[in-house]
Amino acid sequence: MQELFGKGKVLNLEEMIEYSSGGVISKQVLKNQSGNITLFSFDKGQGLTEHTAPFDAIVQVLDGEAQIIIGGNPNLVRMGESIIMPANVSHALQAVEQFKMLLTMIKG
């Protein structure tokens, strides 16, 4: 079976995940004891409810636009931008338009 995210190969991550009408898709790129990297797509209006994570994480926006609320503070993030979500601080996400992101979580 061929891996979608082959090691040692050039990847265009934005092209490696599609949108789902009214839905959210996630694809795990890498996972090991140090953390994980996950690719997400959100249809307009979709999101993740408020939650916390025990590790710092960075969101890299690959396409579209989303509002990410961190500790009650809203942030509008667009294609080409990134934001760091600190460990143990509540955060939520809402796609303002169709939105793709790469989430990298590093365990401390």
PDB file of N, CA and C in Angstrom:
ATOM      1  N   MET A   1       0.841  -1.183   0.000  1.00  0.00           N
ATOM      2  CA  MET A   1       0.000   0.000   0.000  1.00  0.00           C
ATOM      3  C   MET A   1       0.887   1.248   0.000  1.00  0.00           C
ATOM      4  N   GLN A   2       0.615   2.172  -0.909  1.00  0.00           N
ATOM      5  CA  GLN A   2       1.399   3.403  -1.014  1.00  0.00           C
ATOM      6  C   GLN A   2       0.918   4.413   0.023  1.00  0.00           C
ATOM      7  N   GLU A   3       1.876   5.032   0.732  1.00  0.00           N
ATOM      8  CA  GLU A   3       1.543   6.042   1.726  1.00  0.00           C
ATOM      9  C   GLU A   3       1.189   7.345   1.027  1.00  0.00           C
ATOM     10  N   LEU A   4       0.126   8.014   1.496  1.00  0.00           N
ATOM     11  CA  LEU A   4      -0.265   9.303   0.944  1.00  0.00           C
ATOM     12  C   LEU A   4       0.815  10.340   1.196  1.00  0.00           C
ATOM     13  N   PHE A   5       1.404  10.309   2.397  1.00  0.00           N
ATOM     14  CA  PHE A   5       2.415  11.279   2.785  1.00  0.00           C
ATOM     15  C   PHE A   5       3.771  10.581   2.848  1.00  0.00           C
ATOM     16  N   GLY A   6       4.320  10.276   1.696  1.00  0.00           N
ATOM     17  CA  GLY A   6       5.579   9.548   1.614  1.00  0.00           C
ATOM     18  C   GLY A   6       6.745  10.374   2.122  1.00  0.00           C
ATOM     19  N   LYS A   7       7.621   9.735   2.869  1.00  0.00           N
ATOM     20  CA  LYS A   7       8.819  10.403   3.387  1.00  0.00           C
ATOM     21  C   LYS A   7       9.836  10.544   2.269  1.00  0.00           C
ATOM     22  N   GLY A   8      10.562  11.661   2.280  1.00  0.00           N
ATOM     23  CA  GLY A   8      11.573  11.912   1.273  1.00  0.00           C
ATOM     24  C   GLY A   8      11.007  12.334  -0.071  1.00  0.00           C
ATOM     25  N   LYS A   9       9.731  12.724  -0.096  1.00  0.00           N
ATOM     26  CA  LYS A   9       9.077  13.157  -1.326  1.00  0.00           C
ATOM     27  C   LYS A   9       8.565  14.578  -1.152  1.00  0.00           C
ATOM     28  N   VAL A  10       8.529  15.335  -2.232  1.00  0.00           N
ATOM     29  CA  VAL A  10       7.961  16.678  -2.212  1.00  0.00           C
ATOM     30  C   VAL A  10       6.442  16.557  -2.143  1.00  0.00           C
ATOM     31  N   LEU A  11       5.835  17.286  -1.200  1.00  0.00           N
ATOM     32  CA  LEU A  11       4.390  17.229  -0.996  1.00  0.00           C
ATOM     33  C   LEU A  11       3.774  18.609  -1.189  1.00  0.00           C
ATOM     34  N   ASN A  12       2.643  18.659  -1.850  1.00  0.00           N
ATOM     35  CA  ASN A  12       1.841  19.875  -1.896  1.00  0.00           C
ATOM     36  C   ASN A  12       0.635  19.594  -1.001  1.00  0.00           C
ATOM     37  N   LEU A  13       0.756  19.945   0.270  1.00  0.00           N
ATOM     38  CA  LEU A  13      -0.250  19.565   1.259  1.00  0.00           C
ATOM     39  C   LEU A  13      -1.630  20.140   0.941  1.00  0.00           C
ATOM     40  N   GLU A  14      -1.686  21.353   0.431  1.00  0.00           N
ATOM     41  CA  GLU A  14      -2.981  21.970   0.119  1.00  0.00           C
ATOM     42  C   GLU A  14      -3.744  21.131  -0.903  1.00  0.00           C
ATOM     43  N   GLU A  15      -3.033  20.509  -1.822  1.00  0.00           N
ATOM     44  CA  GLU A  15      -3.682  19.685  -2.848  1.00  0.00           C
ATOM     45  C   GLU A  15      -3.980  18.266  -2.362  1.00  0.00           C
ATOM     46  N   MET A  16      -3.477  17.891  -1.187  1.00  0.00           N
ATOM     47  CA  MET A  16      -3.602  16.514  -0.720  1.00  0.00           C
ATOM     48  C   MET A  16      -4.811  16.284   0.180  1.00  0.00           C
ATOM     49  N   ILE A  17      -5.650  17.319   0.308  1.00  0.00           N
ATOM     50  CA  ILE A  17      -6.893  17.160   1.056  1.00  0.00           C
ATOM     51  C   ILE A  17      -7.985  17.932   0.320  1.00  0.00           C
ATOM     52  N   GLU A  18      -9.144  17.319   0.223  1.00  0.00           N
ATOM     53  CA  GLU A  18     -10.262  17.928  -0.480  1.00  0.00           C
ATOM     54  C   GLU A  18     -11.234  18.527   0.527  1.00  0.00           C
ATOM     55  N   TYR A  19     -12.200  19.262   0.027  1.00  0.00           N
ATOM     56  CA  TYR A  19     -13.284  19.771   0.869  1.00  0.00           C
ATOM     57  C   TYR A  19     -14.451  18.797   0.814  1.00  0.00           C
ATOM     58  N   SER A  20     -15.217  18.755   1.891  1.00  0.00           N
ATOM     59  CA  SER A  20     -16.434  17.957   1.962  1.00  0.00           C
ATOM     60  C   SER A  20     -17.591  18.901   2.247  1.00  0.00           C
ATOM     61  N   SER A  21     -18.597  18.888   1.396  1.00  0.00           N
ATOM     62  CA  SER A  21     -19.739  19.784   1.564  1.00  0.00           C
ATOM     63  C   SER A  21     -20.367  19.593   2.945  1.00  0.00           C
ATOM     64  N   GLY A  22     -20.365  20.666   3.744  1.00  0.00           N
ATOM     65  CA  GLY A  22     -20.939  20.614   5.076  1.00  0.00           C
ATOM     66  C   GLY A  22     -20.125  19.838   6.084  1.00  0.00           C
ATOM     67  N   GLY A  23     -18.862  19.557   5.768  1.00  0.00           N
ATOM     68  CA  GLY A  23     -18.112  18.684   6.657  1.00  0.00           C
ATOM     69  C   GLY A  23     -16.695  19.136   6.957  1.00  0.00           C
ATOM     70  N   VAL A  24     -16.013  18.270   7.705  1.00  0.00           N
ATOM     71  CA  VAL A  24     -14.625  18.454   8.111  1.00  0.00           C
ATOM     72  C   VAL A  24     -13.882  17.163   7.776  1.00  0.00           C
ATOM     73  N   ILE A  25     -12.681  17.296   7.209  1.00  0.00           N
ATOM     74  CA  ILE A  25     -11.851  16.130   6.905  1.00  0.00           C
ATOM     75  C   ILE A  25     -10.511  16.321   7.607  1.00  0.00           C
ATOM     76  N   SER A  26      -9.971  15.246   8.161  1.00  0.00           N
ATOM     77  CA  SER A  26      -8.624  15.294   8.727  1.00  0.00           C
ATOM     78  C   SER A  26      -7.827  14.102   8.216  1.00  0.00           C
ATOM     79  N   LYS A  27      -6.524  14.353   7.971  1.00  0.00           N
ATOM     80  CA  LYS A  27      -5.613  13.302   7.525  1.00  0.00           C
ATOM     81  C   LYS A  27      -4.327  13.442   8.318  1.00  0.00           C
ATOM     82  N   GLN A  28      -3.942  12.369   8.977  1.00  0.00           N
ATOM     83  CA  GLN A  28      -2.713  12.391   9.773  1.00  0.00           C
ATOM     84  C   GLN A  28      -1.500  12.286   8.848  1.00  0.00           C
ATOM     85  N   VAL A  29      -0.594  13.266   8.968  1.00  0.00           N
ATOM     86  CA  VAL A  29       0.615  13.300   8.148  1.00  0.00           C
ATOM     87  C   VAL A  29       1.726  12.517   8.836  1.00  0.00           C
ATOM     88  N   LEU A  30       1.983  12.821  10.103  1.00  0.00           N
ATOM     89  CA  LEU A  30       3.004  12.142  10.900  1.00  0.00           C
ATOM     90  C   LEU A  30       2.544  12.051  12.342  1.00  0.00           C
ATOM     91  N   LYS A  31       2.954  10.997  13.018  1.00  0.00           N
ATOM     92  CA  LYS A  31       2.691  10.870  14.450  1.00  0.00           C
ATOM     93  C   LYS A  31       3.805  10.039  15.057  1.00  0.00           C
ATOM     94  N   ASN A  32       4.371  10.562  16.156  1.00  0.00           N
ATOM     95  CA  ASN A  32       5.357   9.801  16.913  1.00  0.00           C
ATOM     96  C   ASN A  32       5.335  10.297  18.355  1.00  0.00           C
ATOM     97  N   GLN A  33       6.291   9.843  19.161  1.00  0.00           N
ATOM     98  CA  GLN A  33       6.296  10.183  20.581  1.00  0.00           C
ATOM     99  C   GLN A  33       6.500  11.675  20.826  1.00  0.00           C
ATOM    100  N   SER A  34       7.014  12.413  19.852  1.00  0.00           N
ATOM    101  CA  SER A  34       7.262  13.852  20.015  1.00  0.00           C
ATOM    102  C   SER A  34       6.053  14.716  19.694  1.00  0.00           C
ATOM    103  N   GLY A  35       5.091  14.158  18.987  1.00  0.00           N
ATOM    104  CA  GLY A  35       3.903  14.937  18.620  1.00  0.00           C
ATOM    105  C   GLY A  35       3.273  14.414  17.356  1.00  0.00           C
ATOM    106  N   ASN A  36       2.434  15.260  16.741  1.00  0.00           N
ATOM    107  CA  ASN A  36       1.790  14.849  15.500  1.00  0.00           C
ATOM    108  C   ASN A  36       1.536  16.048  14.597  1.00  0.00           C
ATOM    109  N   ILE A  37       1.372  15.743  13.314  1.00  0.00           N
ATOM    110  CA  ILE A  37       1.066  16.730  12.287  1.00  0.00           C
ATOM    111  C   ILE A  37      -0.165  16.224  11.555  1.00  0.00           C
ATOM    112  N   THR A  38      -1.198  17.077  11.477  1.00  0.00           N
ATOM    113  CA  THR A  38      -2.458  16.679  10.874  1.00  0.00           C
ATOM    114  C   THR A  38      -2.931  17.748   9.898  1.00  0.00           C
ATOM    115  N   LEU A  39      -3.415  17.302   8.758  1.00  0.00           N
ATOM    116  CA  LEU A  39      -3.965  18.158   7.722  1.00  0.00           C
ATOM    117  C   LEU A  39      -5.485  18.172   7.885  1.00  0.00           C
ATOM    118  N   PHE A  40      -6.092  19.355   7.838  1.00  0.00           N
ATOM    119  CA  PHE A  40      -7.536  19.496   7.998  1.00  0.00           C
ATOM    120  C   PHE A  40      -8.132  20.315   6.863  1.00  0.00           C
ATOM    121  N   SER A  41      -9.385  20.022   6.514  1.00  0.00           N
ATOM    122  CA  SER A  41     -10.183  20.914   5.675  1.00  0.00           C
ATOM    123  C   SER A  41     -11.555  21.085   6.337  1.00  0.00           C
ATOM    124  N   PHE A  42     -12.077  22.302   6.251  1.00  0.00           N
ATOM    125  CA  PHE A  42     -13.369  22.653   6.830  1.00  0.00           C
ATOM    126  C   PHE A  42     -14.205  23.346   5.770  1.00  0.00           C
ATOM    127  N   ASP A  43     -15.440  22.923   5.612  1.00  0.00           N
ATOM    128  CA  ASP A  43     -16.344  23.667   4.740  1.00  0.00           C
ATOM    129  C   ASP A  43     -16.750  24.953   5.457  1.00  0.00           C
ATOM    130  N   LYS A  44     -17.195  25.941   4.713  1.00  0.00           N
ATOM    131  CA  LYS A  44     -17.623  27.210   5.298  1.00  0.00           C
ATOM    132  C   LYS A  44     -18.634  26.954   6.409  1.00  0.00           C
ATOM    133  N   GLY A  45     -18.414  27.606   7.562  1.00  0.00           N
ATOM    134  CA  GLY A  45     -19.325  27.472   8.699  1.00  0.00           C
ATOM    135  C   GLY A  45     -19.009  26.323   9.634  1.00  0.00           C
ATOM    136  N   GLN A  46     -18.126  25.421   9.226  1.00  0.00           N
ATOM    137  CA  GLN A  46     -17.747  24.288  10.078  1.00  0.00           C
ATOM    138  C   GLN A  46     -16.633  24.714  11.034  1.00  0.00           C
ATOM    139  N   GLY A  47     -16.419  23.943  12.084  1.00  0.00           N
ATOM    140  CA  GLY A  47     -15.364  24.306  13.018  1.00  0.00           C
ATOM    141  C   GLY A  47     -15.122  23.253  14.067  1.00  0.00           C
ATOM    142  N   LEU A  48     -14.370  23.663  15.068  1.00  0.00           N
ATOM    143  CA  LEU A  48     -14.081  22.839  16.236  1.00  0.00           C
ATOM    144  C   LEU A  48     -14.555  23.611  17.464  1.00  0.00           C
ATOM    145  N   THR A  49     -15.278  22.945  18.340  1.00  0.00           N
ATOM    146  CA  THR A  49     -15.770  23.603  19.540  1.00  0.00           C
ATOM    147  C   THR A  49     -14.628  23.885  20.510  1.00  0.00           C
ATOM    148  N   GLU A  50     -14.894  24.741  21.454  1.00  0.00           N
ATOM    149  CA  GLU A  50     -13.883  25.148  22.423  1.00  0.00           C
ATOM    150  C   GLU A  50     -13.345  23.937  23.189  1.00  0.00           C
ATOM    151  N   HIS A  51     -12.023  23.868  23.287  1.00  0.00           N
ATOM    152  CA  HIS A  51     -11.354  22.779  23.992  1.00  0.00           C
ATOM    153  C   HIS A  51      -9.944  23.235  24.373  1.00  0.00           C
ATOM    154  N   THR A  52      -9.257  22.411  25.129  1.00  0.00           N
ATOM    155  CA  THR A  52      -7.851  22.676  25.461  1.00  0.00           C
ATOM    156  C   THR A  52      -7.021  21.476  25.034  1.00  0.00           C
ATOM    157  N   ALA A  53      -5.722  21.701  24.923  1.00  0.00           N
ATOM    158  CA  ALA A  53      -4.777  20.624  24.617  1.00  0.00           C
ATOM    159  C   ALA A  53      -3.591  20.778  25.562  1.00  0.00           C
ATOM    160  N   PRO A  54      -2.980  19.675  25.951  1.00  0.00           N
ATOM    161  CA  PRO A  54      -1.881  19.750  26.920  1.00  0.00           C
ATOM    162  C   PRO A  54      -0.542  20.178  26.312  1.00  0.00           C
ATOM    163  N   PHE A  55      -0.521  20.476  25.003  1.00  0.00           N
ATOM    164  CA  PHE A  55       0.725  20.814  24.321  1.00  0.00           C
ATOM    165  C   PHE A  55       0.532  22.050  23.448  1.00  0.00           C
ATOM    166  N   ASP A  56       1.624  22.792  23.209  1.00  0.00           N
ATOM    167  CA  ASP A  56       1.588  23.889  22.250  1.00  0.00           C
ATOM    168  C   ASP A  56       1.296  23.319  20.865  1.00  0.00           C
ATOM    169  N   ALA A  57       0.629  24.133  20.037  1.00  0.00           N
ATOM    170  CA  ALA A  57       0.340  23.720  18.662  1.00  0.00           C
ATOM    171  C   ALA A  57       0.391  24.945  17.758  1.00  0.00           C
ATOM    172  N   ILE A  58       0.778  24.733  16.515  1.00  0.00           N
ATOM    173  CA  ILE A  58       0.765  25.816  15.531  1.00  0.00           C
ATOM    174  C   ILE A  58      -0.160  25.430  14.392  1.00  0.00           C
ATOM    175  N   VAL A  59      -0.974  26.391  13.979  1.00  0.00           N
ATOM    176  CA  VAL A  59      -1.846  26.251  12.822  1.00  0.00           C
ATOM    177  C   VAL A  59      -1.208  27.030  11.680  1.00  0.00           C
ATOM    178  N   GLN A  60      -1.016  26.373  10.540  1.00  0.00           N
ATOM    179  CA  GLN A  60      -0.536  27.011   9.322  1.00  0.00           C
ATOM    180  C   GLN A  60      -1.680  26.961   8.317  1.00  0.00           C
ATOM    181  N   VAL A  61      -2.148  28.131   7.879  1.00  0.00           N
ATOM    182  CA  VAL A  61      -3.301  28.205   6.974  1.00  0.00           C
ATOM    183  C   VAL A  61      -2.828  27.975   5.543  1.00  0.00           C
ATOM    184  N   LEU A  62      -3.376  26.939   4.906  1.00  0.00           N
ATOM    185  CA  LEU A  62      -3.002  26.569   3.543  1.00  0.00           C
ATOM    186  C   LEU A  62      -3.957  27.150   2.513  1.00  0.00           C
ATOM    187  N   ASP A  63      -5.204  27.396   2.909  1.00  0.00           N
ATOM    188  CA  ASP A  63      -6.218  27.924   1.994  1.00  0.00           C
ATOM    189  C   ASP A  63      -7.347  28.503   2.828  1.00  0.00           C
ATOM    190  N   GLY A  64      -7.972  29.563   2.333  1.00  0.00           N
ATOM    191  CA  GLY A  64      -9.165  30.092   2.958  1.00  0.00           C
ATOM    192  C   GLY A  64      -8.913  30.992   4.148  1.00  0.00           C
ATOM    193  N   GLU A  65      -9.909  31.005   5.031  1.00  0.00           N
ATOM    194  CA  GLU A  65      -9.916  31.952   6.152  1.00  0.00           C
ATOM    195  C   GLU A  65     -10.741  31.377   7.302  1.00  0.00           C
ATOM    196  N   ALA A  66     -10.252  31.580   8.516  1.00  0.00           N
ATOM    197  CA  ALA A  66     -10.964  31.081   9.696  1.00  0.00           C
ATOM    198  C   ALA A  66     -10.792  32.048  10.853  1.00  0.00           C
ATOM    199  N   GLN A  67     -11.729  31.966  11.773  1.00  0.00           N
ATOM    200  CA  GLN A  67     -11.589  32.684  13.035  1.00  0.00           C
ATOM    201  C   GLN A  67     -11.160  31.659  14.078  1.00  0.00           C
ATOM    202  N   ILE A  68     -10.031  31.931  14.722  1.00  0.00           N
ATOM    203  CA  ILE A  68      -9.537  31.067  15.785  1.00  0.00           C
ATOM    204  C   ILE A  68      -9.555  31.880  17.066  1.00  0.00           C
ATOM    205  N   ILE A  69     -10.287  31.388  18.033  1.00  0.00           N
ATOM    206  CA  ILE A  69     -10.408  32.068  19.320  1.00  0.00           C
ATOM    207  C   ILE A  69      -9.488  31.360  20.307  1.00  0.00           C
ATOM    208  N   ILE A  70      -8.567  32.127  20.895  1.00  0.00           N
ATOM    209  CA  ILE A  70      -7.612  31.573  21.857  1.00  0.00           C
ATOM    210  C   ILE A  70      -7.764  32.342  23.163  1.00  0.00           C
ATOM    211  N   GLY A  71      -8.143  31.646  24.217  1.00  0.00           N
ATOM    212  CA  GLY A  71      -8.326  32.297  25.508  1.00  0.00           C
ATOM    213  C   GLY A  71      -9.338  33.427  25.457  1.00  0.00           C
ATOM    214  N   GLY A  72     -10.372  33.278  24.640  1.00  0.00           N
ATOM    215  CA  GLY A  72     -11.417  34.287  24.507  1.00  0.00           C
ATOM    216  C   GLY A  72     -11.113  35.398  23.515  1.00  0.00           C
ATOM    217  N   ASN A  73      -9.916  35.418  22.938  1.00  0.00           N
ATOM    218  CA  ASN A  73      -9.526  36.464  21.989  1.00  0.00           C
ATOM    219  C   ASN A  73      -9.658  35.957  20.552  1.00  0.00           C
ATOM    220  N   PRO A  74     -10.525  36.596  19.723  1.00  0.00           N
ATOM    221  CA  PRO A  74     -10.697  36.158  18.336  1.00  0.00           C
ATOM    222  C   PRO A  74      -9.532  36.612  17.449  1.00  0.00           C
ATOM    223  N   ASN A  75      -9.146  35.742  16.536  1.00  0.00           N
ATOM    224  CA  ASN A  75      -8.072  36.021  15.572  1.00  0.00           C
ATOM    225  C   ASN A  75      -8.536  35.567  14.200  1.00  0.00           C
ATOM    226  N   LEU A  76      -8.502  36.458  13.216  1.00  0.00           N
ATOM    227  CA  LEU A  76      -8.827  36.096  11.850  1.00  0.00           C
ATOM    228  C   LEU A  76      -7.523  35.687  11.166  1.00  0.00           C
ATOM    229  N   VAL A  77      -7.465  34.456  10.675  1.00  0.00           N
ATOM    230  CA  VAL A  77      -6.258  33.954  10.024  1.00  0.00           C
ATOM    231  C   VAL A  77      -6.588  33.568   8.588  1.00  0.00           C
ATOM    232  N   ARG A  78      -5.669  33.917   7.693  1.00  0.00           N
ATOM    233  CA  ARG A  78      -5.884  33.703   6.258  1.00  0.00           C
ATOM    234  C   ARG A  78      -4.738  32.894   5.662  1.00  0.00           C
ATOM    235  N   MET A  79      -4.945  32.458   4.417  1.00  0.00           N
ATOM    236  CA  MET A  79      -3.939  31.700   3.690  1.00  0.00           C
ATOM    237  C   MET A  79      -2.571  32.367   3.807  1.00  0.00           C
ATOM    238  N   GLY A  80      -1.568  31.573   4.160  1.00  0.00           N
ATOM    239  CA  GLY A  80      -0.213  32.069   4.308  1.00  0.00           C
ATOM    240  C   GLY A  80       0.137  32.520   5.714  1.00  0.00           C
ATOM    241  N   GLU A  81      -0.857  32.582   6.595  1.00  0.00           N
ATOM    242  CA  GLU A  81      -0.614  33.014   7.971  1.00  0.00           C
ATOM    243  C   GLU A  81      -0.606  31.811   8.913  1.00  0.00           C
ATOM    244  N   SER A  82      -0.050  32.028  10.100  1.00  0.00           N
ATOM    245  CA  SER A  82       0.018  30.990  11.126  1.00  0.00           C
ATOM    246  C   SER A  82      -0.298  31.594  12.478  1.00  0.00           C
ATOM    247  N   ILE A  83      -0.683  30.741  13.420  1.00  0.00           N
ATOM    248  CA  ILE A  83      -0.924  31.180  14.786  1.00  0.00           C
ATOM    249  C   ILE A  83      -0.556  30.042  15.727  1.00  0.00           C
ATOM    250  N   ILE A  84       0.054  30.402  16.855  1.00  0.00           N
ATOM    251  CA  ILE A  84       0.434  29.397  17.852  1.00  0.00           C
ATOM    252  C   ILE A  84      -0.625  29.380  18.954  1.00  0.00           C
ATOM    253  N   MET A  85      -1.101  28.183  19.262  1.00  0.00           N
ATOM    254  CA  MET A  85      -2.068  27.995  20.338  1.00  0.00           C
ATOM    255  C   MET A  85      -1.310  27.423  21.531  1.00  0.00           C
ATOM    256  N   PRO A  86      -1.243  28.178  22.633  1.00  0.00           N
ATOM    257  CA  PRO A  86      -0.472  27.698  23.783  1.00  0.00           C
ATOM    258  C   PRO A  86      -1.160  26.532  24.502  1.00  0.00           C
ATOM    259  N   ALA A  87      -0.354  25.700  25.114  1.00  0.00           N
ATOM    260  CA  ALA A  87      -0.853  24.557  25.884  1.00  0.00           C
ATOM    261  C   ALA A  87      -1.787  25.032  26.997  1.00  0.00           C
ATOM    262  N   ASN A  88      -2.805  24.244  27.250  1.00  0.00           N
ATOM    263  CA  ASN A  88      -3.733  24.428  28.366  1.00  0.00           C
ATOM    264  C   ASN A  88      -4.518  25.738  28.321  1.00  0.00           C
ATOM    265  N   VAL A  89      -4.630  26.363  27.149  1.00  0.00           N
ATOM    266  CA  VAL A  89      -5.456  27.560  26.960  1.00  0.00           C
ATOM    267  C   VAL A  89      -6.590  27.173  26.019  1.00  0.00           C
ATOM    268  N   SER A  90      -7.821  27.507  26.381  1.00  0.00           N
ATOM    269  CA  SER A  90      -8.957  27.120  25.550  1.00  0.00           C
ATOM    270  C   SER A  90      -8.871  27.775  24.179  1.00  0.00           C
ATOM    271  N   HIS A  91      -9.311  27.028  23.171  1.00  0.00           N
ATOM    272  CA  HIS A  91      -9.341  27.551  21.811  1.00  0.00           C
ATOM    273  C   HIS A  91     -10.471  26.876  21.038  1.00  0.00           C
ATOM    274  N   ALA A  92     -10.926  27.586  20.007  1.00  0.00           N
ATOM    275  CA  ALA A  92     -11.987  27.098  19.126  1.00  0.00           C
ATOM    276  C   ALA A  92     -11.714  27.630  17.731  1.00  0.00           C
ATOM    277  N   LEU A  93     -12.357  27.032  16.730  1.00  0.00           N
ATOM    278  CA  LEU A  93     -12.120  27.410  15.347  1.00  0.00           C
ATOM    279  C   LEU A  93     -13.436  27.408  14.590  1.00  0.00           C
ATOM    280  N   GLN A  94     -13.618  28.405  13.717  1.00  0.00           N
ATOM    281  CA  GLN A  94     -14.795  28.481  12.853  1.00  0.00           C
ATOM    282  C   GLN A  94     -14.339  28.924  11.469  1.00  0.00           C
ATOM    283  N   ALA A  95     -14.684  28.158  10.424  1.00  0.00           N
ATOM    284  CA  ALA A  95     -14.305  28.508   9.055  1.00  0.00           C
ATOM    285  C   ALA A  95     -15.185  29.644   8.550  1.00  0.00           C
ATOM    286  N   VAL A  96     -14.571  30.791   8.257  1.00  0.00           N
ATOM    287  CA  VAL A  96     -15.280  31.938   7.692  1.00  0.00           C
ATOM    288  C   VAL A  96     -15.637  31.643   6.241  1.00  0.00           C
ATOM    289  N   GLU A  97     -14.738  30.938   5.557  1.00  0.00           N
ATOM    290  CA  GLU A  97     -14.960  30.392   4.222  1.00  0.00           C
ATOM    291  C   GLU A  97     -14.271  29.035   4.216  1.00  0.00           C
ATOM    292  N   GLN A  98     -14.365  28.303   3.119  1.00  0.00           N
ATOM    293  CA  GLN A  98     -13.666  27.022   3.094  1.00  0.00           C
ATOM    294  C   GLN A  98     -12.224  27.247   3.523  1.00  0.00           C
ATOM    295  N   PHE A  99     -11.702  26.308   4.304  1.00  0.00           N
ATOM    296  CA  PHE A  99     -10.452  26.548   5.026  1.00  0.00           C
ATOM    297  C   PHE A  99      -9.669  25.247   5.135  1.00  0.00           C
ATOM    298  N   LYS A 100      -8.356  25.318   4.813  1.00  0.00           N
ATOM    299  CA  LYS A 100      -7.453  24.175   4.991  1.00  0.00           C
ATOM    300  C   LYS A 100      -6.308  24.610   5.887  1.00  0.00           C
ATOM    301  N   MET A 101      -5.917  23.712   6.792  1.00  0.00           N
ATOM    302  CA  MET A 101      -4.815  24.037   7.702  1.00  0.00           C
ATOM    303  C   MET A 101      -3.972  22.816   7.982  1.00  0.00           C
ATOM    304  N   LEU A 102      -2.725  23.094   8.371  1.00  0.00           N
ATOM    305  CA  LEU A 102      -1.824  22.068   8.862  1.00  0.00           C
ATOM    306  C   LEU A 102      -1.622  22.346  10.342  1.00  0.00           C
ATOM    307  N   LEU A 103      -1.945  21.375  11.184  1.00  0.00           N
ATOM    308  CA  LEU A 103      -1.817  21.503  12.636  1.00  0.00           C
ATOM    309  C   LEU A 103      -0.618  20.673  13.091  1.00  0.00           C
ATOM    310  N   THR A 104       0.334  21.344  13.755  1.00  0.00           N
ATOM    311  CA  THR A 104       1.503  20.656  14.288  1.00  0.00           C
ATOM    312  C   THR A 104       1.473  20.797  15.803  1.00  0.00           C
ATOM    313  N   MET A 105       1.398  19.664  16.500  1.00  0.00           N
ATOM    314  CA  MET A 105       1.380  19.646  17.957  1.00  0.00           C
ATOM    315  C   MET A 105       2.659  18.988  18.455  1.00  0.00           C
ATOM    316  N   ILE A 106       3.382  19.720  19.304  1.00  0.00           N
ATOM    317  CA  ILE A 106       4.647  19.244  19.850  1.00  0.00           C
ATOM    318  C   ILE A 106       4.461  18.930  21.337  1.00  0.00           C
ATOM    319  N   LYS A 107       4.773  17.727  21.713  1.00  0.00           N
ATOM    320  CA  LYS A 107       4.662  17.350  23.121  1.00  0.00           C
ATOM    321  C   LYS A 107       5.849  17.896  23.902  1.00  0.00           C
ATOM    322  N   GLY A 108       5.571  18.415  25.102  1.00  0.00           N
ATOM    323  CA  GLY A 108       6.641  19.005  25.907  1.00  0.00           C
ATOM    324  C   GLY A 108       7.286  18.047  26.846  1.00  0.00           C
TER     325      GLY A 108
END
